[in-house]
Amino acid sequence: MQPTRVAQQIYETSIKNLPVVERLWLVKMVLDDLMSTPATWIVDESDEWNDEDYIDLVRASLAYAARSLRE
């Protein structure tokens, strides 16, 4: 999945230049927001990993790192 031009512009102009800790907090806020929405995602039950799966893994790892930094 490719980001939209709006998302890419927001990232390039506002987020990319933030310190790492603040970027991790943004990741956490986005993930928390997604988790609070009704489950409308399609679950892929295949055994093969694709690029999107690896991206999901990185996002989850960053969220875990952000939680760990808080503690």
C-alpha atoms as a PDB file:
ATOM      1  CA  MET A   1       0.000   0.000   0.000  1.00  0.00           C
ATOM      2  CA  GLN A   2       1.390   3.390  -1.004  1.00  0.00           C
ATOM      3  CA  PRO A   3       0.783   6.565   1.031  1.00  0.00           C
ATOM      4  CA  THR A   4      -1.419   9.236  -0.485  1.00  0.00           C
ATOM      5  CA  ARG A   5       0.118  12.505  -1.605  1.00  0.00           C
ATOM      6  CA  VAL A   6      -1.441  14.249   1.399  1.00  0.00           C
ATOM      7  CA  ALA A   7       0.004  11.712   3.843  1.00  0.00           C
ATOM      8  CA  GLN A   8       3.401  11.910   2.138  1.00  0.00           C
ATOM      9  CA  GLN A   9       3.352  15.726   2.266  1.00  0.00           C
ATOM     10  CA  ILE A  10       2.418  15.742   5.975  1.00  0.00           C
ATOM     11  CA  TYR A  11       5.206  13.287   6.699  1.00  0.00           C
ATOM     12  CA  GLU A  12       7.823  15.207   4.711  1.00  0.00           C
ATOM     13  CA  THR A  13       6.921  18.666   6.037  1.00  0.00           C
ATOM     14  CA  SER A  14       5.875  17.994   9.623  1.00  0.00           C
ATOM     15  CA  ILE A  15       6.806  14.562  10.927  1.00  0.00           C
ATOM     16  CA  LYS A  16      10.125  13.661   9.330  1.00  0.00           C
ATOM     17  CA  ASN A  17      11.985  16.449  11.136  1.00  0.00           C
ATOM     18  CA  LEU A  18      10.666  15.618  14.622  1.00  0.00           C
ATOM     19  CA  PRO A  19      12.928  13.933  17.163  1.00  0.00           C
ATOM     20  CA  VAL A  20      12.689  10.140  17.216  1.00  0.00           C
ATOM     21  CA  VAL A  21      10.862  10.040  20.547  1.00  0.00           C
ATOM     22  CA  GLU A  22       8.135  12.367  19.285  1.00  0.00           C
ATOM     23  CA  ARG A  23       7.784  10.321  16.094  1.00  0.00           C
ATOM     24  CA  LEU A  24       7.376   7.184  18.211  1.00  0.00           C
ATOM     25  CA  TRP A  25       4.670   8.932  20.248  1.00  0.00           C
ATOM     26  CA  LEU A  26       2.872   9.756  17.001  1.00  0.00           C
ATOM     27  CA  VAL A  27       3.067   6.104  15.991  1.00  0.00           C
ATOM     28  CA  LYS A  28       1.578   5.130  19.343  1.00  0.00           C
ATOM     29  CA  MET A  29      -1.245   7.656  19.037  1.00  0.00           C
ATOM     30  CA  VAL A  30      -2.128   6.458  15.543  1.00  0.00           C
ATOM     31  CA  LEU A  31      -2.040   2.797  16.592  1.00  0.00           C
ATOM     32  CA  ASP A  32      -4.130   3.494  19.696  1.00  0.00           C
ATOM     33  CA  ASP A  33      -6.665   5.298  17.521  1.00  0.00           C
ATOM     34  CA  LEU A  34      -6.781   2.412  15.053  1.00  0.00           C
ATOM     35  CA  MET A  35      -7.235  -0.090  17.860  1.00  0.00           C
ATOM     36  CA  SER A  36     -10.220   1.853  19.197  1.00  0.00           C
ATOM     37  CA  THR A  37     -12.058   1.702  15.857  1.00  0.00           C
ATOM     38  CA  PRO A  38     -14.362  -1.183  14.969  1.00  0.00           C
ATOM     39  CA  ALA A  39     -12.530  -4.113  13.454  1.00  0.00           C
ATOM     40  CA  THR A  40     -13.112  -3.529   9.768  1.00  0.00           C
ATOM     41  CA  TRP A  41      -9.780  -4.797   8.570  1.00  0.00           C
ATOM     42  CA  ILE A  42      -9.466  -7.828   6.328  1.00  0.00           C
ATOM     43  CA  VAL A  43      -7.380 -10.549   7.966  1.00  0.00           C
ATOM     44  CA  ASP A  44      -4.917 -12.279   5.663  1.00  0.00           C
ATOM     45  CA  GLU A  45      -4.362 -15.819   6.912  1.00  0.00           C
ATOM     46  CA  SER A  46      -1.663 -16.845   4.449  1.00  0.00           C
ATOM     47  CA  ASP A  47       1.684 -18.182   5.669  1.00  0.00           C
ATOM     48  CA  GLU A  48       3.745 -15.993   3.348  1.00  0.00           C
ATOM     49  CA  TRP A  49       4.975 -12.572   4.422  1.00  0.00           C
ATOM     50  CA  ASN A  50       4.759  -9.659   2.017  1.00  0.00           C
ATOM     51  CA  ASP A  51       6.038  -6.084   2.272  1.00  0.00           C
ATOM     52  CA  GLU A  52       2.906  -4.978   4.114  1.00  0.00           C
ATOM     53  CA  ASP A  53       3.448  -7.703   6.728  1.00  0.00           C
ATOM     54  CA  TYR A  54       7.007  -6.496   7.322  1.00  0.00           C
ATOM     55  CA  ILE A  55       5.761  -2.903   7.625  1.00  0.00           C
ATOM     56  CA  ASP A  56       3.184  -4.054  10.189  1.00  0.00           C
ATOM     57  CA  LEU A  57       5.942  -5.803  12.140  1.00  0.00           C
ATOM     58  CA  VAL A  58       8.063  -2.648  12.175  1.00  0.00           C
ATOM     59  CA  ARG A  59       5.104  -0.538  13.298  1.00  0.00           C
ATOM     60  CA  ALA A  60       4.304  -2.930  16.135  1.00  0.00           C
ATOM     61  CA  SER A  61       7.965  -2.981  17.158  1.00  0.00           C
ATOM     62  CA  LEU A  62       8.073   0.820  17.222  1.00  0.00           C
ATOM     63  CA  ALA A  63       4.930   0.929  19.356  1.00  0.00           C
ATOM     64  CA  TYR A  64       6.515  -1.518  21.776  1.00  0.00           C
ATOM     65  CA  ALA A  65       9.681   0.595  21.853  1.00  0.00           C
ATOM     66  CA  ALA A  66       7.627   3.715  22.584  1.00  0.00           C
ATOM     67  CA  ARG A  67       5.888   1.976  25.485  1.00  0.00           C
ATOM     68  CA  SER A  68       9.249   0.759  26.789  1.00  0.00           C
ATOM     69  CA  LEU A  69      10.699   4.270  26.680  1.00  0.00           C
ATOM     70  CA  ARG A  70       7.851   5.475  28.872  1.00  0.00           C
ATOM     71  CA  GLU A  71       8.639   2.958  31.583  1.00  0.00           C
END
